[in-house]
Each structure stands twice: as C-alpha cells, then as structure tokens.
C-alpha cells in the first residue's frame, strides 16, 4: 500500500481487498477465528492465484502466466 498522495499505487491492493470481501467474506459466516484465517489463506494462495482467471492476463490464472514456458 502506498503513502498518502499516491492513490494509483493502491489500485491492485484495493481491487484484491474488494474481491476478497465480495467473493468470500460477505458470502460466508465464520463461527471461529481459525476458520476465517484458513478461508482467507485458501482464498489468497489457492483460489485467487491458481484457479481464478484475470482479465489483465487474457483470462488466464496468475499461476498459468507465472509458470508459462
């Protein structure tokens, strides 16, 4: 996240947090803190990067773009 006065540096993180809230946190209810942490971890490291396609990657996952030969 960037310093005050540099709003465009925050754009990728703002987009990520918006996606996290709309596709995970606002959809499910968590009874324990441990469940919430596991869900966020799975979202970030499994679903968001390896399974979810992104328009800026020509509808490929981040994982596919990173390890394309």
Protein backbone atom coordinates (compact mmCIF):
# COMPACT_ATOMS: atom_id res chain seq x y z
CA UNK A 1 0.00 0.00 0.00
CA UNK A 2 1.34 3.42 -0.84
CA UNK A 3 1.81 6.64 1.04
CA UNK A 4 -0.80 9.38 1.15
CA UNK A 5 -0.94 11.38 -2.07
CA UNK A 6 -0.20 8.41 -4.35
CA UNK A 7 -3.63 6.86 -4.93
CA UNK A 8 -2.77 4.86 -8.04
CA UNK A 9 -0.23 2.70 -6.24
CA UNK A 10 -3.06 1.30 -4.12
CA UNK A 11 -5.20 0.18 -7.06
CA UNK A 12 -4.07 -3.50 -7.17
CA UNK A 13 -4.49 -3.97 -3.42
CA UNK A 14 -7.82 -2.16 -3.37
CA UNK A 15 -9.05 -4.45 -6.15
CA UNK A 16 -7.83 -7.52 -4.26
CA UNK A 17 -9.50 -6.46 -0.99
CA UNK A 18 -12.73 -5.69 -2.86
CA UNK A 19 -12.68 -9.17 -4.43
CA UNK A 20 -11.88 -10.76 -1.06
CA UNK A 21 -14.83 -9.04 0.59
CA UNK A 22 -17.39 -9.60 -2.16
CA UNK A 23 -16.49 -13.18 -3.08
CA UNK A 24 -15.54 -14.60 0.33
CA UNK A 25 -16.16 -12.56 3.46
CA UNK A 26 -19.63 -11.21 2.65
CA UNK A 27 -20.85 -14.59 1.36
CA UNK A 28 -19.92 -16.88 4.25
CA UNK A 29 -20.29 -16.73 8.01
CA UNK A 30 -17.47 -17.89 10.27
CA UNK A 31 -18.02 -19.06 13.83
CA UNK A 32 -14.35 -19.30 14.77
CA UNK A 33 -11.38 -17.08 14.08
CA UNK A 34 -9.37 -20.11 12.92
CA UNK A 35 -11.97 -20.85 10.21
CA UNK A 36 -11.75 -17.27 8.96
CA UNK A 37 -7.94 -17.36 8.77
CA UNK A 38 -8.00 -20.67 6.90
CA UNK A 39 -10.60 -19.35 4.44
CA UNK A 40 -8.56 -16.21 3.74
CA UNK A 41 -5.38 -18.26 3.32
CA UNK A 42 -7.09 -20.65 0.91
CA UNK A 43 -8.59 -17.73 -0.99
CA UNK A 44 -5.28 -15.93 -1.37
CA UNK A 45 -2.95 -18.80 -2.12
CA UNK A 46 -5.17 -21.35 -3.83
CA UNK A 47 -8.28 -19.85 -5.34
CA UNK A 48 -7.23 -16.29 -6.24
CA UNK A 49 -3.85 -17.14 -7.76
CA UNK A 50 -4.29 -20.68 -9.11
CA UNK A 51 -7.97 -21.05 -10.02
CA UNK A 52 -9.42 -17.61 -10.72
CA UNK A 53 -8.90 -16.15 -14.19
CA UNK A 54 -7.98 -12.49 -14.55
CA UNK A 55 -8.89 -10.22 -17.46
CA UNK A 56 -5.50 -8.49 -17.42
CA UNK A 57 -3.88 -11.92 -18.03
CA UNK A 58 -6.04 -12.66 -21.09
CA UNK A 59 -8.35 -14.78 -18.93
CA UNK A 60 -5.55 -16.97 -17.60
CA UNK A 61 -4.81 -17.61 -13.96
CA UNK A 62 -1.87 -15.92 -12.29
CA UNK A 63 -0.32 -19.34 -11.81
CA UNK A 64 -0.56 -20.12 -15.56
CA UNK A 65 1.06 -16.83 -16.52
CA UNK A 66 3.86 -17.14 -13.97
CA UNK A 67 4.84 -20.67 -15.00
CA UNK A 68 4.19 -20.45 -18.75
CA UNK A 69 7.10 -21.89 -20.67
